[in-house]
PDB file of all heavy atoms in Angstrom:
ATOM      1  N   ALA A   1      -0.849  -7.563  -3.961  1.00  0.00           N
ATOM      2  CA  ALA A   1      -0.170  -6.444  -4.615  1.00  0.00           C
ATOM      3  C   ALA A   1      -0.730  -6.250  -6.010  1.00  0.00           C
ATOM      4  O   ALA A   1      -1.115  -7.220  -6.681  1.00  0.00           O
ATOM      5  CB  ALA A   1       1.342  -6.689  -4.675  1.00  0.00           C
ATOM      6  N   THR A   2      -0.774  -5.008  -6.445  1.00  0.00           N
ATOM      7  CA  THR A   2      -1.178  -4.674  -7.800  1.00  0.00           C
ATOM      8  C   THR A   2      -0.474  -3.395  -8.214  1.00  0.00           C
ATOM      9  O   THR A   2       0.035  -2.660  -7.362  1.00  0.00           O
ATOM     10  CB  THR A   2      -2.703  -4.499  -7.897  1.00  0.00           C
ATOM     11  OG1 THR A   2      -3.078  -4.396  -9.274  1.00  0.00           O
ATOM     12  CG2 THR A   2      -3.167  -3.238  -7.179  1.00  0.00           C
ATOM     13  N   SER A   3      -0.431  -3.142  -9.513  1.00  0.00           N
ATOM     14  CA  SER A   3       0.205  -1.929 -10.036  1.00  0.00           C
ATOM     15  C   SER A   3      -0.743  -1.222 -10.987  1.00  0.00           C
ATOM     16  O   SER A   3      -1.613  -1.854 -11.602  1.00  0.00           O
ATOM     17  CB  SER A   3       1.516  -2.269 -10.763  1.00  0.00           C
ATOM     18  OG  SER A   3       2.470  -2.795  -9.871  1.00  0.00           O
ATOM     19  N   MET A   4      -0.561   0.088 -11.115  1.00  0.00           N
ATOM     20  CA  MET A   4      -1.422   0.880 -11.998  1.00  0.00           C
ATOM     21  C   MET A   4      -0.658   2.100 -12.499  1.00  0.00           C
ATOM     22  O   MET A   4       0.373   2.484 -11.938  1.00  0.00           O
ATOM     23  CB  MET A   4      -2.683   1.330 -11.252  1.00  0.00           C
ATOM     24  CG  MET A   4      -2.397   2.189 -10.027  1.00  0.00           C
ATOM     25  SD  MET A   4      -3.904   2.633  -9.149  1.00  0.00           S
ATOM     26  CE  MET A   4      -3.225   3.338  -7.641  1.00  0.00           C
ATOM     27  N   TRP A   5      -1.182   2.710 -13.561  1.00  0.00           N
ATOM     28  CA  TRP A   5      -0.618   3.933 -14.131  1.00  0.00           C
ATOM     29  C   TRP A   5      -1.541   5.100 -13.829  1.00  0.00           C
ATOM     30  O   TRP A   5      -2.768   4.975 -13.939  1.00  0.00           O
ATOM     31  CB  TRP A   5      -0.455   3.778 -15.640  1.00  0.00           C
ATOM     32  CG  TRP A   5       0.116   4.999 -16.323  1.00  0.00           C
ATOM     33  CD1 TRP A   5       1.433   5.302 -16.475  1.00  0.00           C
ATOM     34  CD2 TRP A   5      -0.615   6.046 -16.963  1.00  0.00           C
ATOM     35  NE1 TRP A   5       1.583   6.490 -17.163  1.00  0.00           N
ATOM     36  CE2 TRP A   5       0.334   6.973 -17.471  1.00  0.00           C
ATOM     37  CE3 TRP A   5      -1.972   6.314 -17.141  1.00  0.00           C
ATOM     38  CZ2 TRP A   5      -0.037   8.127 -18.162  1.00  0.00           C
ATOM     39  CZ3 TRP A   5      -2.351   7.469 -17.821  1.00  0.00           C
ATOM     40  CH2 TRP A   5      -1.383   8.362 -18.326  1.00  0.00           C
ATOM     41  N   LEU A   6      -0.951   6.235 -13.415  1.00  0.00           N
ATOM     42  CA  LEU A   6      -1.717   7.452 -13.174  1.00  0.00           C
ATOM     43  C   LEU A   6      -1.110   8.597 -13.975  1.00  0.00           C
ATOM     44  O   LEU A   6       0.123   8.723 -14.032  1.00  0.00           O
ATOM     45  CB  LEU A   6      -1.722   7.820 -11.684  1.00  0.00           C
ATOM     46  CG  LEU A   6      -2.439   6.865 -10.728  1.00  0.00           C
ATOM     47  CD1 LEU A   6      -2.338   7.380  -9.302  1.00  0.00           C
ATOM     48  CD2 LEU A   6      -3.899   6.677 -11.122  1.00  0.00           C
ATOM     49  N   PRO A   7      -1.948   9.456 -14.566  1.00  0.00           N
ATOM     50  CA  PRO A   7      -1.429  10.570 -15.373  1.00  0.00           C
ATOM     51  C   PRO A   7      -1.015  11.757 -14.514  1.00  0.00           C
ATOM     52  O   PRO A   7      -1.432  12.903 -14.749  1.00  0.00           O
ATOM     53  CB  PRO A   7      -2.633  10.906 -16.267  1.00  0.00           C
ATOM     54  CG  PRO A   7      -3.813  10.594 -15.418  1.00  0.00           C
ATOM     55  CD  PRO A   7      -3.425   9.377 -14.606  1.00  0.00           C
ATOM     56  N   LEU A   8      -0.207  11.492 -13.504  1.00  0.00           N
ATOM     57  CA  LEU A   8       0.265  12.532 -12.586  1.00  0.00           C
ATOM     58  C   LEU A   8       1.760  12.367 -12.377  1.00  0.00           C
ATOM     59  O   LEU A   8       2.275  11.245 -12.409  1.00  0.00           O
ATOM     60  CB  LEU A   8      -0.454  12.422 -11.236  1.00  0.00           C
ATOM     61  CG  LEU A   8      -1.966  12.659 -11.214  1.00  0.00           C
ATOM     62  CD1 LEU A   8      -2.526  12.281  -9.857  1.00  0.00           C
ATOM     63  CD2 LEU A   8      -2.293  14.107 -11.546  1.00  0.00           C
ATOM     64  N   PRO A   9       2.488  13.467 -12.124  1.00  0.00           N
ATOM     65  CA  PRO A   9       3.914  13.334 -11.839  1.00  0.00           C
ATOM     66  C   PRO A   9       4.151  12.582 -10.536  1.00  0.00           C
ATOM     67  O   PRO A   9       3.343  12.680  -9.607  1.00  0.00           O
ATOM     68  CB  PRO A   9       4.406  14.783 -11.749  1.00  0.00           C
ATOM     69  CG  PRO A   9       3.202  15.626 -11.658  1.00  0.00           C
ATOM     70  CD  PRO A   9       2.027  14.854 -12.151  1.00  0.00           C
ATOM     71  N   PRO A  10       5.210  11.806 -10.444  1.00  0.00           N
ATOM     72  CA  PRO A  10       5.480  11.034  -9.220  1.00  0.00           C
ATOM     73  C   PRO A  10       5.524  11.884  -7.955  1.00  0.00           C
ATOM     74  O   PRO A  10       5.095  11.428  -6.892  1.00  0.00           O
ATOM     75  CB  PRO A  10       6.843  10.385  -9.509  1.00  0.00           C
ATOM     76  CG  PRO A  10       6.896  10.283 -10.997  1.00  0.00           C
ATOM     77  CD  PRO A  10       6.183  11.488 -11.510  1.00  0.00           C
ATOM     78  N   GLU A  11       6.024  13.099  -8.059  1.00  0.00           N
ATOM     79  CA  GLU A  11       6.122  13.958  -6.875  1.00  0.00           C
ATOM     80  C   GLU A  11       4.735  14.262  -6.304  1.00  0.00           C
ATOM     81  O   GLU A  11       4.542  14.289  -5.086  1.00  0.00           O
ATOM     82  CB  GLU A  11       6.843  15.255  -7.224  1.00  0.00           C
ATOM     83  CG  GLU A  11       7.068  16.164  -6.020  1.00  0.00           C
ATOM     84  CD  GLU A  11       7.809  17.428  -6.393  1.00  0.00           C
ATOM     85  OE1 GLU A  11       8.185  17.586  -7.569  1.00  0.00           O
ATOM     86  OE2 GLU A  11       8.004  18.269  -5.488  1.00  0.00           O
ATOM     87  N   THR A  12       3.752  14.492  -7.180  1.00  0.00           N
ATOM     88  CA  THR A  12       2.391  14.774  -6.725  1.00  0.00           C
ATOM     89  C   THR A  12       1.809  13.578  -5.977  1.00  0.00           C
ATOM     90  O   THR A  12       1.195  13.718  -4.908  1.00  0.00           O
ATOM     91  CB  THR A  12       1.494  15.131  -7.926  1.00  0.00           C
ATOM     92  OG1 THR A  12       2.016  16.298  -8.575  1.00  0.00           O
ATOM     93  CG2 THR A  12       0.068  15.395  -7.485  1.00  0.00           C
ATOM     94  N   VAL A  13       1.982  12.386  -6.527  1.00  0.00           N
ATOM     95  CA  VAL A  13       1.453  11.177  -5.895  1.00  0.00           C
ATOM     96  C   VAL A  13       2.157  10.919  -4.567  1.00  0.00           C
ATOM     97  O   VAL A  13       1.515  10.553  -3.566  1.00  0.00           O
ATOM     98  CB  VAL A  13       1.603   9.974  -6.839  1.00  0.00           C
ATOM     99  CG1 VAL A  13       1.026   8.715  -6.200  1.00  0.00           C
ATOM    100  CG2 VAL A  13       0.926  10.242  -8.177  1.00  0.00           C
ATOM    101  N   PHE A  14       3.465  11.109  -4.517  1.00  0.00           N
ATOM    102  CA  PHE A  14       4.233  10.890  -3.287  1.00  0.00           C
ATOM    103  C   PHE A  14       3.751  11.821  -2.175  1.00  0.00           C
ATOM    104  O   PHE A  14       3.526  11.389  -1.033  1.00  0.00           O
ATOM    105  CB  PHE A  14       5.721  11.109  -3.573  1.00  0.00           C
ATOM    106  CG  PHE A  14       6.599  11.068  -2.355  1.00  0.00           C
ATOM    107  CD1 PHE A  14       6.757   9.903  -1.626  1.00  0.00           C
ATOM    108  CD2 PHE A  14       7.275  12.209  -1.927  1.00  0.00           C
ATOM    109  CE1 PHE A  14       7.567   9.864  -0.502  1.00  0.00           C
ATOM    110  CE2 PHE A  14       8.085  12.181  -0.813  1.00  0.00           C
ATOM    111  CZ  PHE A  14       8.229  11.009  -0.098  1.00  0.00           C
ATOM    112  N   ASN A  15       3.568  13.108  -2.476  1.00  0.00           N
ATOM    113  CA  ASN A  15       3.107  14.059  -1.466  1.00  0.00           C
ATOM    114  C   ASN A  15       1.704  13.715  -0.974  1.00  0.00           C
ATOM    115  O   ASN A  15       1.373  13.916   0.201  1.00  0.00           O
ATOM    116  CB  ASN A  15       3.129  15.479  -2.033  1.00  0.00           C
ATOM    117  CG  ASN A  15       4.549  15.994  -2.248  1.00  0.00           C
ATOM    118  OD1 ASN A  15       5.476  15.562  -1.572  1.00  0.00           O
ATOM    119  ND2 ASN A  15       4.723  16.893  -3.201  1.00  0.00           N
ATOM    120  N   PHE A  16       0.872  13.180  -1.865  1.00  0.00           N
ATOM    121  CA  PHE A  16      -0.482  12.785  -1.472  1.00  0.00           C
ATOM    122  C   PHE A  16      -0.444  11.653  -0.445  1.00  0.00           C
ATOM    123  O   PHE A  16      -1.151  11.691   0.576  1.00  0.00           O
ATOM    124  CB  PHE A  16      -1.273  12.365  -2.715  1.00  0.00           C
ATOM    125  CG  PHE A  16      -2.576  11.691  -2.417  1.00  0.00           C
ATOM    126  CD1 PHE A  16      -3.675  12.425  -1.984  1.00  0.00           C
ATOM    127  CD2 PHE A  16      -2.718  10.318  -2.581  1.00  0.00           C
ATOM    128  CE1 PHE A  16      -4.880  11.799  -1.703  1.00  0.00           C
ATOM    129  CE2 PHE A  16      -3.920   9.685  -2.306  1.00  0.00           C
ATOM    130  CZ  PHE A  16      -5.009  10.428  -1.868  1.00  0.00           C
ATOM    131  N   PHE A  17       0.394  10.650  -0.671  1.00  0.00           N
ATOM    132  CA  PHE A  17       0.434   9.499   0.241  1.00  0.00           C
ATOM    133  C   PHE A  17       1.062   9.837   1.590  1.00  0.00           C
ATOM    134  O   PHE A  17       0.641   9.309   2.616  1.00  0.00           O
ATOM    135  CB  PHE A  17       1.197   8.339  -0.407  1.00  0.00           C
ATOM    136  CG  PHE A  17       0.410   7.595  -1.445  1.00  0.00           C
ATOM    137  CD1 PHE A  17       0.947   7.320  -2.692  1.00  0.00           C
ATOM    138  CD2 PHE A  17      -0.875   7.159  -1.186  1.00  0.00           C
ATOM    139  CE1 PHE A  17       0.232   6.636  -3.654  1.00  0.00           C
ATOM    140  CE2 PHE A  17      -1.603   6.464  -2.136  1.00  0.00           C
ATOM    141  CZ  PHE A  17      -1.051   6.205  -3.379  1.00  0.00           C
ATOM    142  N   ARG A  18       2.060  10.695   1.615  1.00  0.00           N
ATOM    143  CA  ARG A  18       2.767  10.942   2.877  1.00  0.00           C
ATOM    144  C   ARG A  18       2.115  12.025   3.729  1.00  0.00           C
ATOM    145  O   ARG A  18       2.512  12.238   4.877  1.00  0.00           O
ATOM    146  CB  ARG A  18       4.230  11.292   2.607  1.00  0.00           C
ATOM    147  CG  ARG A  18       4.484  12.683   2.093  1.00  0.00           C
ATOM    148  CD  ARG A  18       5.956  12.899   1.817  1.00  0.00           C
ATOM    149  NE  ARG A  18       6.263  14.274   1.474  1.00  0.00           N
ATOM    150  CZ  ARG A  18       6.603  15.204   2.357  1.00  0.00           C
ATOM    151  NH1 ARG A  18       6.687  14.884   3.637  1.00  0.00           N
ATOM    152  NH2 ARG A  18       6.859  16.441   1.985  1.00  0.00           N
ATOM    153  N   ASP A  19       1.120  12.718   3.205  1.00  0.00           N
ATOM    154  CA  ASP A  19       0.442  13.775   3.941  1.00  0.00           C
ATOM    155  C   ASP A  19      -0.608  13.150   4.859  1.00  0.00           C
ATOM    156  O   ASP A  19      -1.572  12.544   4.396  1.00  0.00           O
ATOM    157  CB  ASP A  19      -0.211  14.752   2.958  1.00  0.00           C
ATOM    158  CG  ASP A  19      -0.750  15.996   3.657  1.00  0.00           C
ATOM    159  OD1 ASP A  19      -0.842  16.005   4.899  1.00  0.00           O
ATOM    160  OD2 ASP A  19      -1.070  16.968   2.940  1.00  0.00           O
ATOM    161  N   GLU A  20      -0.427  13.310   6.181  1.00  0.00           N
ATOM    162  CA  GLU A  20      -1.380  12.707   7.113  1.00  0.00           C
ATOM    163  C   GLU A  20      -2.778  13.311   6.994  1.00  0.00           C
ATOM    164  O   GLU A  20      -3.770  12.688   7.377  1.00  0.00           O
ATOM    165  CB  GLU A  20      -0.875  12.840   8.556  1.00  0.00           C
ATOM    166  CG  GLU A  20      -0.818  14.253   9.107  1.00  0.00           C
ATOM    167  CD  GLU A  20       0.508  14.935   8.836  1.00  0.00           C
ATOM    168  OE1 GLU A  20       1.285  14.424   7.996  1.00  0.00           O
ATOM    169  OE2 GLU A  20       0.765  15.979   9.462  1.00  0.00           O
ATOM    170  N   ARG A  21      -2.888  14.523   6.420  1.00  0.00           N
ATOM    171  CA  ARG A  21      -4.204  15.166   6.284  1.00  0.00           C
ATOM    172  C   ARG A  21      -5.053  14.502   5.195  1.00  0.00           C
ATOM    173  O   ARG A  21      -6.278  14.627   5.204  1.00  0.00           O
ATOM    174  CB  ARG A  21      -4.019  16.661   5.975  1.00  0.00           C
ATOM    175  CG  ARG A  21      -3.363  17.439   7.115  1.00  0.00           C
ATOM    176  CD  ARG A  21      -2.991  18.838   6.657  1.00  0.00           C
ATOM    177  NE  ARG A  21      -2.003  18.792   5.574  1.00  0.00           N
ATOM    178  CZ  ARG A  21      -1.478  19.876   5.004  1.00  0.00           C
ATOM    179  NH1 ARG A  21      -1.861  21.084   5.398  1.00  0.00           N
ATOM    180  NH2 ARG A  21      -0.581  19.745   4.036  1.00  0.00           N
ATOM    181  N   THR A  22      -4.439  13.826   4.240  1.00  0.00           N
ATOM    182  CA  THR A  22      -5.194  13.171   3.164  1.00  0.00           C
ATOM    183  C   THR A  22      -5.276  11.659   3.347  1.00  0.00           C
ATOM    184  O   THR A  22      -5.805  10.962   2.486  1.00  0.00           O
ATOM    185  CB  THR A  22      -4.545  13.469   1.800  1.00  0.00           C
ATOM    186  OG1 THR A  22      -3.194  12.966   1.799  1.00  0.00           O
ATOM    187  CG2 THR A  22      -4.516  14.969   1.522  1.00  0.00           C
ATOM    188  N   ARG A  23      -4.783  11.165   4.469  1.00  0.00           N
ATOM    189  CA  ARG A  23      -4.724   9.715   4.664  1.00  0.00           C
ATOM    190  C   ARG A  23      -6.115   9.081   4.675  1.00  0.00           C
ATOM    191  O   ARG A  23      -6.312   7.976   4.136  1.00  0.00           O
ATOM    192  CB  ARG A  23      -3.989   9.386   5.961  1.00  0.00           C
ATOM    193  CG  ARG A  23      -3.719   7.887   6.127  1.00  0.00           C
ATOM    194  CD  ARG A  23      -3.025   7.567   7.439  1.00  0.00           C
ATOM    195  NE  ARG A  23      -2.646   6.175   7.484  1.00  0.00           N
ATOM    196  CZ  ARG A  23      -1.470   5.688   7.093  1.00  0.00           C
ATOM    197  NH1 ARG A  23      -0.562   6.516   6.628  1.00  0.00           N
ATOM    198  NH2 ARG A  23      -1.206   4.399   7.164  1.00  0.00           N
ATOM    199  N   SER A  24      -7.070   9.755   5.275  1.00  0.00           N
ATOM    200  CA  SER A  24      -8.416   9.175   5.373  1.00  0.00           C
ATOM    201  C   SER A  24      -9.068   8.987   4.005  1.00  0.00           C
ATOM    202  O   SER A  24     -10.035   8.233   3.879  1.00  0.00           O
ATOM    203  CB  SER A  24      -9.303  10.074   6.242  1.00  0.00           C
ATOM    204  OG  SER A  24      -9.399  11.377   5.671  1.00  0.00           O
ATOM    205  N   GLN A  25      -8.527   9.629   2.960  1.00  0.00           N
ATOM    206  CA  GLN A  25      -9.107   9.510   1.629  1.00  0.00           C
ATOM    207  C   GLN A  25      -8.771   8.183   0.956  1.00  0.00           C
ATOM    208  O   GLN A  25      -9.464   7.770   0.016  1.00  0.00           O
ATOM    209  CB  GLN A  25      -8.642  10.679   0.743  1.00  0.00           C
ATOM    210  CG  GLN A  25      -9.057  12.047   1.251  1.00  0.00           C
ATOM    211  CD  GLN A  25      -8.586  13.171   0.336  1.00  0.00           C
ATOM    212  OE1 GLN A  25      -8.575  13.022  -0.892  1.00  0.00           O
ATOM    213  NE2 GLN A  25      -8.197  14.289   0.920  1.00  0.00           N
ATOM    214  N   TRP A  26      -7.678   7.523   1.405  1.00  0.00           N
ATOM    215  CA  TRP A  26      -7.302   6.265   0.768  1.00  0.00           C
ATOM    216  C   TRP A  26      -7.179   5.097   1.743  1.00  0.00           C
ATOM    217  O   TRP A  26      -7.224   3.934   1.333  1.00  0.00           O
ATOM    218  CB  TRP A  26      -5.979   6.406   0.006  1.00  0.00           C
ATOM    219  CG  TRP A  26      -4.806   6.873   0.837  1.00  0.00           C
ATOM    220  CD1 TRP A  26      -4.333   8.145   0.937  1.00  0.00           C
ATOM    221  CD2 TRP A  26      -3.967   6.076   1.688  1.00  0.00           C
ATOM    222  NE1 TRP A  26      -3.254   8.202   1.794  1.00  0.00           N
ATOM    223  CE2 TRP A  26      -3.009   6.945   2.256  1.00  0.00           C
ATOM    224  CE3 TRP A  26      -3.939   4.731   2.007  1.00  0.00           C
ATOM    225  CZ2 TRP A  26      -2.034   6.508   3.149  1.00  0.00           C
ATOM    226  CZ3 TRP A  26      -2.955   4.278   2.896  1.00  0.00           C
ATOM    227  CH2 TRP A  26      -2.021   5.169   3.440  1.00  0.00           C
ATOM    228  N   ASP A  27      -7.001   5.380   3.049  1.00  0.00           N
ATOM    229  CA  ASP A  27      -6.787   4.319   4.023  1.00  0.00           C
ATOM    230  C   ASP A  27      -8.119   3.692   4.407  1.00  0.00           C
ATOM    231  O   ASP A  27      -8.885   4.249   5.199  1.00  0.00           O
ATOM    232  CB  ASP A  27      -6.078   4.876   5.261  1.00  0.00           C
ATOM    233  CG  ASP A  27      -5.594   3.766   6.190  1.00  0.00           C
ATOM    234  OD1 ASP A  27      -5.987   2.598   5.972  1.00  0.00           O
ATOM    235  OD2 ASP A  27      -4.826   4.062   7.116  1.00  0.00           O
ATOM    236  N   VAL A  28      -8.413   2.542   3.826  1.00  0.00           N
ATOM    237  CA  VAL A  28      -9.684   1.865   4.075  1.00  0.00           C
ATOM    238  C   VAL A  28      -9.822   1.488   5.543  1.00  0.00           C
ATOM    239  O   VAL A  28     -10.918   1.553   6.123  1.00  0.00           O
ATOM    240  CB  VAL A  28      -9.794   0.607   3.186  1.00  0.00           C
ATOM    241  CG1 VAL A  28     -11.097  -0.134   3.447  1.00  0.00           C
ATOM    242  CG2 VAL A  28      -9.679   0.984   1.721  1.00  0.00           C
ATOM    243  N   LEU A  29      -8.725   1.125   6.198  1.00  0.00           N
ATOM    244  CA  LEU A  29      -8.773   0.646   7.577  1.00  0.00           C
ATOM    245  C   LEU A  29      -8.909   1.767   8.594  1.00  0.00           C
ATOM    246  O   LEU A  29      -9.108   1.507   9.779  1.00  0.00           O
ATOM    247  CB  LEU A  29      -7.513  -0.176   7.874  1.00  0.00           C
ATOM    248  CG  LEU A  29      -7.296  -1.404   6.975  1.00  0.00           C
ATOM    249  CD1 LEU A  29      -6.021  -2.127   7.363  1.00  0.00           C
ATOM    250  CD2 LEU A  29      -8.492  -2.351   7.051  1.00  0.00           C
ATOM    251  N   SER A  30      -8.794   3.028   8.161  1.00  0.00           N
ATOM    252  CA  SER A  30      -8.919   4.144   9.106  1.00  0.00           C
ATOM    253  C   SER A  30     -10.374   4.496   9.383  1.00  0.00           C
ATOM    254  O   SER A  30     -10.655   5.316  10.268  1.00  0.00           O
ATOM    255  CB  SER A  30      -8.198   5.379   8.559  1.00  0.00           C
ATOM    256  OG  SER A  30      -8.881   5.888   7.424  1.00  0.00           O
ATOM    257  N   ASN A  31     -11.292   3.918   8.597  1.00  0.00           N
ATOM    258  CA  ASN A  31     -12.728   4.177   8.766  1.00  0.00           C
ATOM    259  C   ASN A  31     -13.061   5.663   8.657  1.00  0.00           C
ATOM    260  O   ASN A  31     -13.972   6.164   9.332  1.00  0.00           O
ATOM    261  CB  ASN A  31     -13.222   3.632  10.112  1.00  0.00           C
ATOM    262  CG  ASN A  31     -13.087   2.127  10.208  1.00  0.00           C
ATOM    263  OD1 ASN A  31     -13.374   1.409   9.245  1.00  0.00           O
ATOM    264  ND2 ASN A  31     -12.634   1.638  11.353  1.00  0.00           N
ATOM    265  N   GLY A  32     -12.310   6.374   7.825  1.00  0.00           N
ATOM    266  CA  GLY A  32     -12.578   7.784   7.618  1.00  0.00           C
ATOM    267  C   GLY A  32     -12.025   8.699   8.686  1.00  0.00           C
ATOM    268  O   GLY A  32     -12.191   9.929   8.604  1.00  0.00           O
ATOM    269  N   ASN A  33     -11.373   8.151   9.722  1.00  0.00           N
ATOM    270  CA  ASN A  33     -10.818   8.979  10.789  1.00  0.00           C
ATOM    271  C   ASN A  33      -9.501   9.605  10.351  1.00  0.00           C
ATOM    272  O   ASN A  33      -8.706   8.981   9.639  1.00  0.00           O
ATOM    273  CB  ASN A  33     -10.586   8.150  12.052  1.00  0.00           C
ATOM    274  CG  ASN A  33     -11.882   7.608  12.635  1.00  0.00           C
ATOM    275  OD1 ASN A  33     -12.922   8.267  12.548  1.00  0.00           O
ATOM    276  ND2 ASN A  33     -11.825   6.420  13.218  1.00  0.00           N
ATOM    277  N   SER A  34      -9.261  10.826  10.788  1.00  0.00           N
ATOM    278  CA  SER A  34      -8.008  11.501  10.475  1.00  0.00           C
ATOM    279  C   SER A  34      -6.906  11.011  11.405  1.00  0.00           C
ATOM    280  O   SER A  34      -7.161  10.392  12.439  1.00  0.00           O
ATOM    281  CB  SER A  34      -8.171  13.017  10.625  1.00  0.00           C
ATOM    282  OG  SER A  34      -8.532  13.333  11.969  1.00  0.00           O
ATOM    283  N   VAL A  35      -5.662  11.255  11.019  1.00  0.00           N
ATOM    284  CA  VAL A  35      -4.502  10.891  11.836  1.00  0.00           C
ATOM    285  C   VAL A  35      -3.653  12.129  12.072  1.00  0.00           C
ATOM    286  O   VAL A  35      -3.734  13.113  11.321  1.00  0.00           O
ATOM    287  CB  VAL A  35      -3.651   9.794  11.152  1.00  0.00           C
ATOM    288  CG1 VAL A  35      -4.438   8.516  10.971  1.00  0.00           C
ATOM    289  CG2 VAL A  35      -3.115  10.280   9.819  1.00  0.00           C
ATOM    290  N   GLN A  36      -2.866  12.084  13.108  1.00  0.00           N
ATOM    291  CA  GLN A  36      -1.950  13.189  13.399  1.00  0.00           C
ATOM    292  C   GLN A  36      -0.555  12.643  13.655  1.00  0.00           C
ATOM    293  O   GLN A  36      -0.389  11.548  14.192  1.00  0.00           O
ATOM    294  CB  GLN A  36      -2.432  13.997  14.607  1.00  0.00           C
ATOM    295  CG  GLN A  36      -2.471  13.212  15.912  1.00  0.00           C
ATOM    296  CD  GLN A  36      -3.024  14.021  17.064  1.00  0.00           C
ATOM    297  OE1 GLN A  36      -3.876  14.884  16.864  1.00  0.00           O
ATOM    298  NE2 GLN A  36      -2.545  13.754  18.267  1.00  0.00           N
ATOM    299  N   GLU A  37       0.440  13.415  13.239  1.00  0.00           N
ATOM    300  CA  GLU A  37       1.836  13.021  13.427  1.00  0.00           C
ATOM    301  C   GLU A  37       2.277  13.433  14.816  1.00  0.00           C
ATOM    302  O   GLU A  37       2.232  14.609  15.176  1.00  0.00           O
ATOM    303  CB  GLU A  37       2.722  13.677  12.371  1.00  0.00           C
ATOM    304  CG  GLU A  37       4.157  13.201  12.389  1.00  0.00           C
ATOM    305  CD  GLU A  37       5.002  13.879  11.322  1.00  0.00           C
ATOM    306  OE1 GLU A  37       4.957  15.130  11.248  1.00  0.00           O
ATOM    307  OE2 GLU A  37       5.700  13.173  10.567  1.00  0.00           O
ATOM    308  N   VAL A  38       2.723  12.467  15.604  1.00  0.00           N
ATOM    309  CA  VAL A  38       3.145  12.750  16.977  1.00  0.00           C
ATOM    310  C   VAL A  38       4.653  12.657  17.141  1.00  0.00           C
ATOM    311  O   VAL A  38       5.184  13.015  18.197  1.00  0.00           O
ATOM    312  CB  VAL A  38       2.445  11.797  17.974  1.00  0.00           C
ATOM    313  CG1 VAL A  38       0.948  12.064  17.989  1.00  0.00           C
ATOM    314  CG2 VAL A  38       2.729  10.346  17.622  1.00  0.00           C
ATOM    315  N   ALA A  39       5.370  12.161  16.133  1.00  0.00           N
ATOM    316  CA  ALA A  39       6.832  12.131  16.178  1.00  0.00           C
ATOM    317  C   ALA A  39       7.360  12.134  14.751  1.00  0.00           C
ATOM    318  O   ALA A  39       6.706  11.612  13.837  1.00  0.00           O
ATOM    319  CB  ALA A  39       7.345  10.908  16.936  1.00  0.00           C
ATOM    320  N   HIS A  40       8.531  12.712  14.566  1.00  0.00           N
ATOM    321  CA  HIS A  40       9.084  12.885  13.217  1.00  0.00           C
ATOM    322  C   HIS A  40      10.606  12.830  13.304  1.00  0.00           C
ATOM    323  O   HIS A  40      11.213  13.528  14.114  1.00  0.00           O
ATOM    324  CB  HIS A  40       8.632  14.237  12.649  1.00  0.00           C
ATOM    325  CG  HIS A  40       9.100  14.493  11.245  1.00  0.00           C
ATOM    326  ND1 HIS A  40       8.318  14.217  10.142  1.00  0.00           N
ATOM    327  CD2 HIS A  40      10.263  15.002  10.764  1.00  0.00           C
ATOM    328  CE1 HIS A  40       8.980  14.556   9.040  1.00  0.00           C
ATOM    329  NE2 HIS A  40      10.159  15.032   9.398  1.00  0.00           N
ATOM    330  N   VAL A  41      11.214  12.000  12.471  1.00  0.00           N
ATOM    331  CA  VAL A  41      12.679  11.883  12.409  1.00  0.00           C
ATOM    332  C   VAL A  41      13.111  12.115  10.970  1.00  0.00           C
ATOM    333  O   VAL A  41      12.649  11.413  10.060  1.00  0.00           O
ATOM    334  CB  VAL A  41      13.153  10.502  12.899  1.00  0.00           C
ATOM    335  CG1 VAL A  41      14.669  10.375  12.724  1.00  0.00           C
ATOM    336  CG2 VAL A  41      12.765  10.275  14.347  1.00  0.00           C
ATOM    337  N   THR A  42      13.982  13.072  10.746  1.00  0.00           N
ATOM    338  CA  THR A  42      14.503  13.350   9.407  1.00  0.00           C
ATOM    339  C   THR A  42      15.630  12.376   9.083  1.00  0.00           C
ATOM    340  O   THR A  42      16.509  12.129   9.913  1.00  0.00           O
ATOM    341  CB  THR A  42      15.028  14.794   9.329  1.00  0.00           C
ATOM    342  OG1 THR A  42      13.953  15.688   9.606  1.00  0.00           O
ATOM    343  CG2 THR A  42      15.599  15.099   7.956  1.00  0.00           C
ATOM    344  N   ASN A  43      15.610  11.809   7.873  1.00  0.00           N
ATOM    345  CA  ASN A  43      16.688  10.888   7.493  1.00  0.00           C
ATOM    346  C   ASN A  43      17.204  11.156   6.086  1.00  0.00           C
ATOM    347  O   ASN A  43      17.551  10.235   5.357  1.00  0.00           O
ATOM    348  CB  ASN A  43      16.231   9.437   7.645  1.00  0.00           C
ATOM    349  CG  ASN A  43      15.065   9.098   6.732  1.00  0.00           C
ATOM    350  OD1 ASN A  43      14.564   9.949   6.003  1.00  0.00           O
ATOM    351  ND2 ASN A  43      14.633   7.852   6.766  1.00  0.00           N
TER     352      ASN A  43
END
């Protein structure tokens, strides 16, 4: 685990991580492959 500071509002960073279209930009284990959401539950 590690922590860092980014000069961006938390909402912007949160939307970046939860968007499956941008996942390949940070997910090292995806090998650059895109992902698609096949199920969704609102909570």
